[in-house]
PDB file of all heavy atoms in Angstrom:
ATOM      1  N   PHE A   1     -26.813  36.904  -1.004  1.00  0.00           N
ATOM      2  CA  PHE A   1     -25.582  36.111  -0.332  1.00  0.00           C
ATOM      3  C   PHE A   1     -25.721  35.974   1.080  1.00  0.00           C
ATOM      4  O   PHE A   1     -25.297  35.022   1.601  1.00  0.00           O
ATOM      5  CB  PHE A   1     -24.220  36.948  -0.796  1.00  0.00           C
ATOM      6  CG  PHE A   1     -23.030  36.387  -0.184  1.00  0.00           C
ATOM      7  CD1 PHE A   1     -22.510  35.242  -0.701  1.00  0.00           C
ATOM      8  CD2 PHE A   1     -22.467  37.061   0.919  1.00  0.00           C
ATOM      9  CE1 PHE A   1     -21.402  34.751  -0.089  1.00  0.00           C
ATOM     10  CE2 PHE A   1     -21.325  36.538   1.474  1.00  0.00           C
ATOM     11  CZ  PHE A   1     -20.762  35.388   1.052  1.00  0.00           C
ATOM     12  N   VAL A   2     -26.332  36.967   1.657  1.00  0.00           N
ATOM     13  CA  VAL A   2     -26.454  37.004   3.170  1.00  0.00           C
ATOM     14  C   VAL A   2     -27.821  36.354   3.539  1.00  0.00           C
ATOM     15  O   VAL A   2     -27.818  35.598   4.581  1.00  0.00           O
ATOM     16  CB  VAL A   2     -26.349  38.460   3.715  1.00  0.00           C
ATOM     17  CG1 VAL A   2     -26.586  38.463   5.195  1.00  0.00           C
ATOM     18  CG2 VAL A   2     -24.904  38.921   3.530  1.00  0.00           C
ATOM     19  N   ALA A   3     -28.860  36.739   2.911  1.00  0.00           N
ATOM     20  CA  ALA A   3     -30.144  36.382   3.468  1.00  0.00           C
ATOM     21  C   ALA A   3     -31.062  35.826   2.435  1.00  0.00           C
ATOM     22  O   ALA A   3     -31.352  36.509   1.386  1.00  0.00           O
ATOM     23  CB  ALA A   3     -30.841  37.625   4.097  1.00  0.00           C
ATOM     24  N   GLU A   4     -31.423  34.718   2.526  1.00  0.00           N
ATOM     25  CA  GLU A   4     -32.504  34.185   1.644  1.00  0.00           C
ATOM     26  C   GLU A   4     -33.890  35.004   1.965  1.00  0.00           C
ATOM     27  O   GLU A   4     -34.218  35.373   3.035  1.00  0.00           O
ATOM     28  CB  GLU A   4     -32.803  32.717   1.935  1.00  0.00           C
ATOM     29  CG  GLU A   4     -31.673  31.831   1.630  1.00  0.00           C
ATOM     30  CD  GLU A   4     -31.388  31.756   0.125  1.00  0.00           C
ATOM     31  OE1 GLU A   4     -32.358  31.981  -0.561  1.00  0.00           O
ATOM     32  OE2 GLU A   4     -30.157  31.533  -0.330  1.00  0.00           O
ATOM     33  N   LYS A   5     -34.728  35.246   0.908  1.00  0.00           N
ATOM     34  CA  LYS A   5     -35.813  36.001   1.083  1.00  0.00           C
ATOM     35  C   LYS A   5     -36.856  35.500   2.108  1.00  0.00           C
ATOM     36  O   LYS A   5     -37.645  36.214   2.811  1.00  0.00           O
ATOM     37  CB  LYS A   5     -36.573  36.101  -0.309  1.00  0.00           C
ATOM     38  CG  LYS A   5     -35.811  36.861  -1.287  1.00  0.00           C
ATOM     39  CD  LYS A   5     -36.619  36.977  -2.536  1.00  0.00           C
ATOM     40  CE  LYS A   5     -35.875  37.835  -3.650  1.00  0.00           C
ATOM     41  NZ  LYS A   5     -36.469  37.864  -4.907  1.00  0.00           N
ATOM     42  N   LEU A   6     -36.951  34.166   2.440  1.00  0.00           N
ATOM     43  CA  LEU A   6     -37.727  33.664   3.317  1.00  0.00           C
ATOM     44  C   LEU A   6     -37.226  33.539   4.723  1.00  0.00           C
ATOM     45  O   LEU A   6     -37.949  33.091   5.701  1.00  0.00           O
ATOM     46  CB  LEU A   6     -38.210  32.163   2.872  1.00  0.00           C
ATOM     47  CG  LEU A   6     -38.947  32.123   1.545  1.00  0.00           C
ATOM     48  CD1 LEU A   6     -39.285  30.646   1.160  1.00  0.00           C
ATOM     49  CD2 LEU A   6     -40.263  33.086   1.580  1.00  0.00           C
ATOM     50  N   SER A   7     -35.967  33.852   4.928  1.00  0.00           N
ATOM     51  CA  SER A   7     -35.387  33.760   6.261  1.00  0.00           C
ATOM     52  C   SER A   7     -35.313  35.104   6.901  1.00  0.00           C
ATOM     53  O   SER A   7     -34.584  36.048   6.675  1.00  0.00           O
ATOM     54  CB  SER A   7     -33.863  33.394   6.175  1.00  0.00           C
ATOM     55  OG  SER A   7     -33.227  33.384   7.372  1.00  0.00           O
ATOM     56  N   ILE A   8     -36.248  35.203   7.940  1.00  0.00           N
ATOM     57  CA  ILE A   8     -36.350  36.396   8.737  1.00  0.00           C
ATOM     58  C   ILE A   8     -35.057  36.598   9.623  1.00  0.00           C
ATOM     59  O   ILE A   8     -34.595  37.588   9.816  1.00  0.00           O
ATOM     60  CB  ILE A   8     -37.675  36.300   9.783  1.00  0.00           C
ATOM     61  CG1 ILE A   8     -38.825  36.352   8.822  1.00  0.00           C
ATOM     62  CG2 ILE A   8     -37.771  37.553  10.604  1.00  0.00           C
ATOM     63  CD1 ILE A   8     -40.092  36.104   9.605  1.00  0.00           C
ATOM     64  N   PHE A   9     -34.557  35.417  10.087  1.00  0.00           N
ATOM     65  CA  PHE A   9     -33.301  35.548  10.857  1.00  0.00           C
ATOM     66  C   PHE A   9     -32.067  36.113  10.114  1.00  0.00           C
ATOM     67  O   PHE A   9     -31.492  37.187  10.576  1.00  0.00           O
ATOM     68  CB  PHE A   9     -32.900  34.182  11.444  1.00  0.00           C
ATOM     69  CG  PHE A   9     -31.641  34.220  12.192  1.00  0.00           C
ATOM     70  CD1 PHE A   9     -31.736  34.642  13.505  1.00  0.00           C
ATOM     71  CD2 PHE A   9     -30.536  33.802  11.676  1.00  0.00           C
ATOM     72  CE1 PHE A   9     -30.477  34.662  14.288  1.00  0.00           C
ATOM     73  CE2 PHE A   9     -29.337  33.753  12.383  1.00  0.00           C
ATOM     74  CZ  PHE A   9     -29.338  34.230  13.701  1.00  0.00           C
ATOM     75  N   ASP A  10     -31.973  35.593   8.951  1.00  0.00           N
ATOM     76  CA  ASP A  10     -30.763  36.118   8.161  1.00  0.00           C
ATOM     77  C   ASP A  10     -30.996  37.692   7.862  1.00  0.00           C
ATOM     78  O   ASP A  10     -29.889  38.283   7.689  1.00  0.00           O
ATOM     79  CB  ASP A  10     -30.572  35.302   6.955  1.00  0.00           C
ATOM     80  CG  ASP A  10     -29.967  33.952   7.168  1.00  0.00           C
ATOM     81  OD1 ASP A  10     -29.468  33.726   8.310  1.00  0.00           O
ATOM     82  OD2 ASP A  10     -30.119  32.963   6.309  1.00  0.00           O
ATOM     83  N   THR A  11     -32.152  38.079   7.556  1.00  0.00           N
ATOM     84  CA  THR A  11     -32.314  39.451   7.135  1.00  0.00           C
ATOM     85  C   THR A  11     -31.814  40.433   8.149  1.00  0.00           C
ATOM     86  O   THR A  11     -31.484  41.677   7.870  1.00  0.00           O
ATOM     87  CB  THR A  11     -33.741  39.922   6.741  1.00  0.00           C
ATOM     88  OG1 THR A  11     -34.574  39.497   7.880  1.00  0.00           O
ATOM     89  CG2 THR A  11     -34.132  38.996   5.581  1.00  0.00           C
ATOM     90  N   GLU A  12     -31.755  39.983   9.406  1.00  0.00           N
ATOM     91  CA  GLU A  12     -31.265  40.863  10.596  1.00  0.00           C
ATOM     92  C   GLU A  12     -29.729  41.265  10.167  1.00  0.00           C
ATOM     93  O   GLU A  12     -29.348  42.362  10.566  1.00  0.00           O
ATOM     94  CB  GLU A  12     -31.192  40.046  11.785  1.00  0.00           C
ATOM     95  CG  GLU A  12     -32.524  39.728  12.393  1.00  0.00           C
ATOM     96  CD  GLU A  12     -33.237  40.984  12.785  1.00  0.00           C
ATOM     97  OE1 GLU A  12     -32.679  41.695  13.767  1.00  0.00           O
ATOM     98  OE2 GLU A  12     -34.286  41.230  12.418  1.00  0.00           O
ATOM     99  N   TYR A  13     -28.847  40.450   9.430  1.00  0.00           N
ATOM    100  CA  TYR A  13     -27.613  40.802   9.092  1.00  0.00           C
ATOM    101  C   TYR A  13     -27.534  42.033   8.102  1.00  0.00           C
ATOM    102  O   TYR A  13     -26.555  42.715   8.135  1.00  0.00           O
ATOM    103  CB  TYR A  13     -26.912  39.638   8.435  1.00  0.00           C
ATOM    104  CG  TYR A  13     -26.518  38.527   9.452  1.00  0.00           C
ATOM    105  CD1 TYR A  13     -27.156  37.262   9.225  1.00  0.00           C
ATOM    106  CD2 TYR A  13     -25.515  38.722  10.410  1.00  0.00           C
ATOM    107  CE1 TYR A  13     -26.801  36.242  10.111  1.00  0.00           C
ATOM    108  CE2 TYR A  13     -25.198  37.608  11.269  1.00  0.00           C
ATOM    109  CZ  TYR A  13     -25.782  36.472  11.126  1.00  0.00           C
ATOM    110  OH  TYR A  13     -25.398  35.372  11.909  1.00  0.00           O
ATOM    111  N   LEU A  14     -28.530  42.319   7.498  1.00  0.00           N
ATOM    112  CA  LEU A  14     -28.569  43.413   6.546  1.00  0.00           C
ATOM    113  C   LEU A  14     -28.884  44.835   7.115  1.00  0.00           C
ATOM    114  O   LEU A  14     -28.940  45.790   6.470  1.00  0.00           O
ATOM    115  CB  LEU A  14     -29.500  43.026   5.347  1.00  0.00           C
ATOM    116  CG  LEU A  14     -29.167  41.851   4.613  1.00  0.00           C
ATOM    117  CD1 LEU A  14     -30.266  41.605   3.487  1.00  0.00           C
ATOM    118  CD2 LEU A  14     -27.845  41.949   4.090  1.00  0.00           C
ATOM    119  N   LYS A  15     -29.189  44.864   8.376  1.00  0.00           N
ATOM    120  CA  LYS A  15     -29.634  46.073   9.045  1.00  0.00           C
ATOM    121  C   LYS A  15     -28.536  47.155   8.876  1.00  0.00           C
ATOM    122  O   LYS A  15     -28.907  48.429   8.596  1.00  0.00           O
ATOM    123  CB  LYS A  15     -29.810  45.767  10.577  1.00  0.00           C
ATOM    124  CG  LYS A  15     -31.145  45.197  10.781  1.00  0.00           C
ATOM    125  CD  LYS A  15     -31.379  45.220  12.294  1.00  0.00           C
ATOM    126  CE  LYS A  15     -32.804  44.678  12.659  1.00  0.00           C
ATOM    127  NZ  LYS A  15     -32.939  44.764  14.193  1.00  0.00           N
ATOM    128  N   PRO A  16     -27.220  46.965   8.782  1.00  0.00           N
ATOM    129  CA  PRO A  16     -26.298  48.126   8.614  1.00  0.00           C
ATOM    130  C   PRO A  16     -26.393  48.809   7.270  1.00  0.00           C
ATOM    131  O   PRO A  16     -26.136  49.923   7.083  1.00  0.00           O
ATOM    132  CB  PRO A  16     -24.916  47.432   8.735  1.00  0.00           C
ATOM    133  CG  PRO A  16     -25.101  46.165   9.544  1.00  0.00           C
ATOM    134  CD  PRO A  16     -26.526  45.760   9.221  1.00  0.00           C
ATOM    135  N   PHE A  17     -26.960  48.013   6.306  1.00  0.00           N
ATOM    136  CA  PHE A  17     -27.338  48.563   4.994  1.00  0.00           C
ATOM    137  C   PHE A  17     -28.687  49.091   4.807  1.00  0.00           C
ATOM    138  O   PHE A  17     -28.930  50.082   4.084  1.00  0.00           O
ATOM    139  CB  PHE A  17     -26.966  47.522   3.908  1.00  0.00           C
ATOM    140  CG  PHE A  17     -25.592  46.960   3.857  1.00  0.00           C
ATOM    141  CD1 PHE A  17     -25.205  45.869   4.444  1.00  0.00           C
ATOM    142  CD2 PHE A  17     -24.642  47.779   3.167  1.00  0.00           C
ATOM    143  CE1 PHE A  17     -23.852  45.556   4.510  1.00  0.00           C
ATOM    144  CE2 PHE A  17     -23.334  47.331   3.161  1.00  0.00           C
ATOM    145  CZ  PHE A  17     -22.951  46.240   3.764  1.00  0.00           C
ATOM    146  N   VAL A  18     -29.612  48.493   5.541  1.00  0.00           N
ATOM    147  CA  VAL A  18     -31.056  48.734   5.203  1.00  0.00           C
ATOM    148  C   VAL A  18     -31.563  49.753   6.300  1.00  0.00           C
ATOM    149  O   VAL A  18     -32.295  50.746   5.816  1.00  0.00           O
ATOM    150  CB  VAL A  18     -31.927  47.308   5.409  1.00  0.00           C
ATOM    151  CG1 VAL A  18     -33.292  47.772   5.243  1.00  0.00           C
ATOM    152  CG2 VAL A  18     -31.467  46.429   4.285  1.00  0.00           C
ATOM    153  N   GLU A  19     -31.331  49.648   7.509  1.00  0.00           N
ATOM    154  CA  GLU A  19     -31.808  50.485   8.496  1.00  0.00           C
ATOM    155  C   GLU A  19     -30.705  51.273   9.080  1.00  0.00           C
ATOM    156  O   GLU A  19     -29.755  50.949   9.718  1.00  0.00           O
ATOM    157  CB  GLU A  19     -32.438  49.689   9.647  1.00  0.00           C
ATOM    158  CG  GLU A  19     -33.545  48.841   9.127  1.00  0.00           C
ATOM    159  CD  GLU A  19     -34.188  48.013  10.350  1.00  0.00           C
ATOM    160  OE1 GLU A  19     -34.000  48.288  11.425  1.00  0.00           O
ATOM    161  OE2 GLU A  19     -34.992  47.116   9.878  1.00  0.00           O
ATOM    162  N   ARG A  20     -30.738  52.601   8.837  1.00  0.00           N
ATOM    163  CA  ARG A  20     -29.694  53.607   9.242  1.00  0.00           C
ATOM    164  C   ARG A  20     -30.131  54.337  10.523  1.00  0.00           C
ATOM    165  O   ARG A  20     -30.957  55.146  10.625  1.00  0.00           O
ATOM    166  CB  ARG A  20     -29.433  54.666   8.115  1.00  0.00           C
ATOM    167  CG  ARG A  20     -28.879  53.836   6.716  1.00  0.00           C
ATOM    168  CD  ARG A  20     -27.900  52.998   7.083  1.00  0.00           C
ATOM    169  NE  ARG A  20     -27.285  52.463   5.950  1.00  0.00           N
ATOM    170  CZ  ARG A  20     -26.535  52.858   4.930  1.00  0.00           C
ATOM    171  NH1 ARG A  20     -26.329  54.170   4.874  1.00  0.00           N
ATOM    172  NH2 ARG A  20     -26.121  52.246   3.992  1.00  0.00           N
ATOM    173  N   GLY A  21     -29.391  54.019  11.613  1.00  0.00           N
ATOM    174  CA  GLY A  21     -29.529  54.685  12.805  1.00  0.00           C
ATOM    175  C   GLY A  21     -28.942  56.131  12.796  1.00  0.00           C
ATOM    176  O   GLY A  21     -28.254  56.443  11.984  1.00  0.00           O
ATOM    177  N   SER A  22     -29.305  56.840  13.900  1.00  0.00           N
ATOM    178  CA  SER A  22     -28.898  58.255  13.905  1.00  0.00           C
ATOM    179  C   SER A  22     -27.358  58.380  13.964  1.00  0.00           C
ATOM    180  O   SER A  22     -26.888  59.410  13.860  1.00  0.00           O
ATOM    181  CB  SER A  22     -29.531  58.964  15.100  1.00  0.00           C
ATOM    182  OG  SER A  22     -29.279  58.294  16.304  1.00  0.00           O
ATOM    183  N   ASN A  23     -26.797  57.334  14.572  1.00  0.00           N
ATOM    184  CA  ASN A  23     -25.291  57.395  14.836  1.00  0.00           C
ATOM    185  C   ASN A  23     -24.515  56.769  13.594  1.00  0.00           C
ATOM    186  O   ASN A  23     -23.323  56.488  13.500  1.00  0.00           O
ATOM    187  CB  ASN A  23     -24.864  56.709  16.043  1.00  0.00           C
ATOM    188  CG  ASN A  23     -25.253  55.168  16.003  1.00  0.00           C
ATOM    189  OD1 ASN A  23     -26.019  54.833  15.261  1.00  0.00           O
ATOM    190  ND2 ASN A  23     -24.551  54.400  16.891  1.00  0.00           N
ATOM    191  N   PHE A  24     -25.344  56.385  12.497  1.00  0.00           N
ATOM    192  CA  PHE A  24     -24.740  55.779  11.295  1.00  0.00           C
ATOM    193  C   PHE A  24     -23.934  56.711  10.468  1.00  0.00           C
ATOM    194  O   PHE A  24     -24.334  57.857  10.339  1.00  0.00           O
ATOM    195  CB  PHE A  24     -25.729  55.041  10.440  1.00  0.00           C
ATOM    196  CG  PHE A  24     -25.111  54.465   9.136  1.00  0.00           C
ATOM    197  CD1 PHE A  24     -24.610  53.119   9.176  1.00  0.00           C
ATOM    198  CD2 PHE A  24     -25.151  55.167   7.996  1.00  0.00           C
ATOM    199  CE1 PHE A  24     -23.974  52.593   8.094  1.00  0.00           C
ATOM    200  CE2 PHE A  24     -24.567  54.754   6.823  1.00  0.00           C
ATOM    201  CZ  PHE A  24     -23.956  53.352   6.906  1.00  0.00           C
ATOM    202  N   LYS A  25     -22.744  56.260   9.909  1.00  0.00           N
ATOM    203  CA  LYS A  25     -22.068  56.992   8.890  1.00  0.00           C
ATOM    204  C   LYS A  25     -21.413  56.022   8.010  1.00  0.00           C
ATOM    205  O   LYS A  25     -21.034  54.947   8.396  1.00  0.00           O
ATOM    206  CB  LYS A  25     -20.934  58.016   9.540  1.00  0.00           C
ATOM    207  CG  LYS A  25     -20.186  57.528  10.508  1.00  0.00           C
ATOM    208  CD  LYS A  25     -19.334  58.636  11.166  1.00  0.00           C
ATOM    209  CE  LYS A  25     -18.287  58.108  12.170  1.00  0.00           C
ATOM    210  NZ  LYS A  25     -18.992  57.272  13.337  1.00  0.00           N
ATOM    211  N   ASN A  26     -21.223  56.384   6.646  1.00  0.00           N
ATOM    212  CA  ASN A  26     -20.735  55.320   5.743  1.00  0.00           C
ATOM    213  C   ASN A  26     -19.200  55.107   6.044  1.00  0.00           C
ATOM    214  O   ASN A  26     -18.713  53.995   5.865  1.00  0.00           O
ATOM    215  CB  ASN A  26     -20.878  55.926   4.301  1.00  0.00           C
ATOM    216  CG  ASN A  26     -22.265  56.103   3.839  1.00  0.00           C
ATOM    217  OD1 ASN A  26     -22.895  56.986   4.166  1.00  0.00           O
ATOM    218  ND2 ASN A  26     -22.806  55.013   3.058  1.00  0.00           N
ATOM    219  N   ARG A  27     -18.556  56.093   6.526  1.00  0.00           N
ATOM    220  CA  ARG A  27     -17.057  55.846   6.819  1.00  0.00           C
ATOM    221  C   ARG A  27     -16.920  55.253   8.152  1.00  0.00           C
ATOM    222  O   ARG A  27     -17.454  55.696   9.309  1.00  0.00           O
ATOM    223  CB  ARG A  27     -16.343  57.305   6.800  1.00  0.00           C
ATOM    224  CG  ARG A  27     -14.861  57.192   7.209  1.00  0.00           C
ATOM    225  CD  ARG A  27     -14.221  58.554   7.169  1.00  0.00           C
ATOM    226  NE  ARG A  27     -12.795  58.482   7.741  1.00  0.00           N
ATOM    227  CZ  ARG A  27     -12.516  58.526   8.944  1.00  0.00           C
ATOM    228  NH1 ARG A  27     -13.494  58.691   9.927  1.00  0.00           N
ATOM    229  NH2 ARG A  27     -11.255  58.654   9.359  1.00  0.00           N
ATOM    230  N   ILE A  28     -16.014  54.327   8.177  1.00  0.00           N
ATOM    231  CA  ILE A  28     -15.631  53.688   9.533  1.00  0.00           C
ATOM    232  C   ILE A  28     -14.227  53.999   9.622  1.00  0.00           C
ATOM    233  O   ILE A  28     -13.320  53.323   8.932  1.00  0.00           O
ATOM    234  CB  ILE A  28     -15.868  52.115   9.517  1.00  0.00           C
ATOM    235  CG1 ILE A  28     -17.360  51.885   9.252  1.00  0.00           C
ATOM    236  CG2 ILE A  28     -15.384  51.427  10.981  1.00  0.00           C
ATOM    237  CD1 ILE A  28     -17.568  50.498   8.863  1.00  0.00           C
ATOM    238  N   GLY A  29     -13.798  54.996  10.371  1.00  0.00           N
ATOM    239  CA  GLY A  29     -12.458  55.485  10.500  1.00  0.00           C
ATOM    240  C   GLY A  29     -11.415  54.473  11.180  1.00  0.00           C
ATOM    241  O   GLY A  29     -11.817  53.739  12.076  1.00  0.00           O
ATOM    242  N   ARG A  30     -10.189  54.501  10.774  1.00  0.00           N
ATOM    243  CA  ARG A  30      -9.243  53.613  11.293  1.00  0.00           C
ATOM    244  C   ARG A  30      -8.897  53.657  12.788  1.00  0.00           C
ATOM    245  O   ARG A  30      -8.416  52.884  13.464  1.00  0.00           O
ATOM    246  CB  ARG A  30      -7.798  53.933  10.596  1.00  0.00           C
ATOM    247  CG  ARG A  30      -7.366  55.343  10.646  1.00  0.00           C
ATOM    248  CD  ARG A  30      -6.270  55.736   9.755  1.00  0.00           C
ATOM    249  NE  ARG A  30      -5.846  57.020   9.795  1.00  0.00           N
ATOM    250  CZ  ARG A  30      -6.608  58.163   9.148  1.00  0.00           C
ATOM    251  NH1 ARG A  30      -7.816  57.878   8.724  1.00  0.00           N
ATOM    252  NH2 ARG A  30      -6.251  59.319   9.302  1.00  0.00           N
ATOM    253  N   GLU A  31      -9.455  55.070  13.277  1.00  0.00           N
ATOM    254  CA  GLU A  31      -9.353  55.321  14.691  1.00  0.00           C
ATOM    255  C   GLU A  31     -10.413  54.649  15.603  1.00  0.00           C
ATOM    256  O   GLU A  31     -10.277  54.545  16.749  1.00  0.00           O
ATOM    257  CB  GLU A  31      -9.283  56.795  14.885  1.00  0.00           C
ATOM    258  CG  GLU A  31     -10.717  57.459  14.798  1.00  0.00           C
ATOM    259  CD  GLU A  31     -11.021  57.612  13.256  1.00  0.00           C
ATOM    260  OE1 GLU A  31     -10.291  57.375  12.417  1.00  0.00           O
ATOM    261  OE2 GLU A  31     -12.214  58.196  13.139  1.00  0.00           O
ATOM    262  N   GLU A  32     -11.308  53.975  14.892  1.00  0.00           N
ATOM    263  CA  GLU A  32     -12.537  53.567  15.729  1.00  0.00           C
ATOM    264  C   GLU A  32     -12.335  52.168  16.180  1.00  0.00           C
ATOM    265  O   GLU A  32     -11.561  51.401  15.392  1.00  0.00           O
ATOM    266  CB  GLU A  32     -13.817  53.620  14.793  1.00  0.00           C
ATOM    267  CG  GLU A  32     -14.241  54.988  14.483  1.00  0.00           C
ATOM    268  CD  GLU A  32     -15.413  55.008  13.658  1.00  0.00           C
ATOM    269  OE1 GLU A  32     -16.404  54.324  14.037  1.00  0.00           O
ATOM    270  OE2 GLU A  32     -15.617  55.843  12.681  1.00  0.00           O
ATOM    271  N   GLU A  33     -12.653  51.594  17.289  1.00  0.00           N
ATOM    272  CA  GLU A  33     -12.318  50.424  17.745  1.00  0.00           C
ATOM    273  C   GLU A  33     -12.732  49.245  16.965  1.00  0.00           C
ATOM    274  O   GLU A  33     -11.909  48.330  16.806  1.00  0.00           O
ATOM    275  CB  GLU A  33     -13.081  50.260  19.208  1.00  0.00           C
ATOM    276  CG  GLU A  33     -12.761  49.035  20.012  1.00  0.00           C
ATOM    277  CD  GLU A  33     -13.384  48.962  21.307  1.00  0.00           C
ATOM    278  OE1 GLU A  33     -14.008  49.990  21.801  1.00  0.00           O
ATOM    279  OE2 GLU A  33     -13.330  47.949  22.047  1.00  0.00           O
ATOM    280  N   VAL A  34     -13.840  49.283  16.324  1.00  0.00           N
ATOM    281  CA  VAL A  34     -14.359  48.264  15.424  1.00  0.00           C
ATOM    282  C   VAL A  34     -13.545  48.091  14.168  1.00  0.00           C
ATOM    283  O   VAL A  34     -13.468  47.044  13.552  1.00  0.00           O
ATOM    284  CB  VAL A  34     -15.925  48.315  15.175  1.00  0.00           C
ATOM    285  CG1 VAL A  34     -15.954  49.439  14.226  1.00  0.00           C
ATOM    286  CG2 VAL A  34     -16.399  47.001  14.608  1.00  0.00           C
ATOM    287  N   SER A  35     -12.843  49.018  13.755  1.00  0.00           N
ATOM    288  CA  SER A  35     -12.174  49.120  12.446  1.00  0.00           C
ATOM    289  C   SER A  35     -11.224  48.144  12.290  1.00  0.00           C
ATOM    290  O   SER A  35     -11.064  47.318  11.286  1.00  0.00           O
ATOM    291  CB  SER A  35     -11.532  50.575  12.331  1.00  0.00           C
ATOM    292  OG  SER A  35     -10.822  50.575  11.027  1.00  0.00           O
ATOM    293  N   GLY A  36     -10.184  47.863  13.326  1.00  0.00           N
ATOM    294  CA  GLY A  36      -9.253  46.829  13.156  1.00  0.00           C
ATOM    295  C   GLY A  36      -9.798  45.413  13.019  1.00  0.00           C
ATOM    296  O   GLY A  36      -9.257  44.712  12.205  1.00  0.00           O
ATOM    297  N   GLU A  37     -10.821  45.044  13.747  1.00  0.00           N
ATOM    298  CA  GLU A  37     -11.523  43.765  13.671  1.00  0.00           C
ATOM    299  C   GLU A  37     -12.055  43.557  12.322  1.00  0.00           C
ATOM    300  O   GLU A  37     -11.976  42.539  11.706  1.00  0.00           O
ATOM    301  CB  GLU A  37     -12.506  43.636  14.810  1.00  0.00           C
ATOM    302  CG  GLU A  37     -12.057  43.642  16.197  1.00  0.00           C
ATOM    303  CD  GLU A  37     -13.265  43.415  17.213  1.00  0.00           C
ATOM    304  OE1 GLU A  37     -13.855  42.367  17.110  1.00  0.00           O
ATOM    305  OE2 GLU A  37     -13.550  44.399  17.854  1.00  0.00           O
ATOM    306  N   ILE A  38     -12.735  44.673  11.850  1.00  0.00           N
ATOM    307  CA  ILE A  38     -13.276  44.572  10.357  1.00  0.00           C
ATOM    308  C   ILE A  38     -12.203  44.435   9.351  1.00  0.00           C
ATOM    309  O   ILE A  38     -12.287  43.454   8.444  1.00  0.00           O
ATOM    310  CB  ILE A  38     -14.269  45.755  10.047  1.00  0.00           C
ATOM    311  CG1 ILE A  38     -15.373  45.786  11.046  1.00  0.00           C
ATOM    312  CG2 ILE A  38     -14.518  45.666   8.516  1.00  0.00           C
ATOM    313  CD1 ILE A  38     -16.268  46.993  10.887  1.00  0.00           C
ATOM    314  N   ARG A  39     -11.123  45.119   9.482  1.00  0.00           N
ATOM    315  CA  ARG A  39     -10.002  44.961   8.399  1.00  0.00           C
ATOM    316  C   ARG A  39      -9.509  43.500   8.581  1.00  0.00           C
ATOM    317  O   ARG A  39      -9.203  42.875   7.610  1.00  0.00           O
ATOM    318  CB  ARG A  39      -8.963  45.943   8.747  1.00  0.00           C
ATOM    319  CG  ARG A  39      -9.330  47.281   8.400  1.00  0.00           C
ATOM    320  CD  ARG A  39      -8.013  48.238   8.152  1.00  0.00           C
ATOM    321  NE  ARG A  39      -7.134  48.185   9.403  1.00  0.00           N
ATOM    322  CZ  ARG A  39      -7.292  48.926  10.490  1.00  0.00           C
ATOM    323  NH1 ARG A  39      -8.351  49.753  10.571  1.00  0.00           N
ATOM    324  NH2 ARG A  39      -6.480  48.744  11.595  1.00  0.00           N
ATOM    325  N   SER A  40      -9.281  42.970   9.741  1.00  0.00           N
ATOM    326  CA  SER A  40      -8.836  41.704   9.786  1.00  0.00           C
ATOM    327  C   SER A  40      -9.690  40.633   9.208  1.00  0.00           C
ATOM    328  O   SER A  40      -9.251  39.672   8.463  1.00  0.00           O
ATOM    329  CB  SER A  40      -8.679  41.398  11.385  1.00  0.00           C
ATOM    330  OG  SER A  40      -8.107  39.986  11.511  1.00  0.00           O
ATOM    331  N   SER A  41     -10.932  40.805   9.380  1.00  0.00           N
ATOM    332  CA  SER A  41     -11.828  39.847   8.655  1.00  0.00           C
ATOM    333  C   SER A  41     -11.781  40.057   7.248  1.00  0.00           C
ATOM    334  O   SER A  41     -11.998  39.023   6.495  1.00  0.00           O
ATOM    335  CB  SER A  41     -13.271  39.991   9.204  1.00  0.00           C
ATOM    336  OG  SER A  41     -13.363  39.671  10.620  1.00  0.00           O
ATOM    337  N   ILE A  42     -11.797  41.259   6.684  1.00  0.00           N
ATOM    338  CA  ILE A  42     -11.722  41.451   5.288  1.00  0.00           C
ATOM    339  C   ILE A  42     -10.415  40.752   4.717  1.00  0.00           C
ATOM    340  O   ILE A  42     -10.446  40.127   3.590  1.00  0.00           O
ATOM    341  CB  ILE A  42     -11.790  42.951   5.006  1.00  0.00           C
ATOM    342  CG1 ILE A  42     -13.095  43.614   5.427  1.00  0.00           C
ATOM    343  CG2 ILE A  42     -11.331  43.176   3.463  1.00  0.00           C
ATOM    344  CD1 ILE A  42     -13.017  45.142   5.185  1.00  0.00           C
TER     345      ILE A  42
END
């Protein structure tokens, strides 16, 4: 849905699911700055 297999550019969008940084966690708390923006988009 996000990335065609041949599109290197689109696969960048999948990094939050594919490449987990040291500061990654599955939960995005309501207190976090990015949370409100994500909820609005959902």
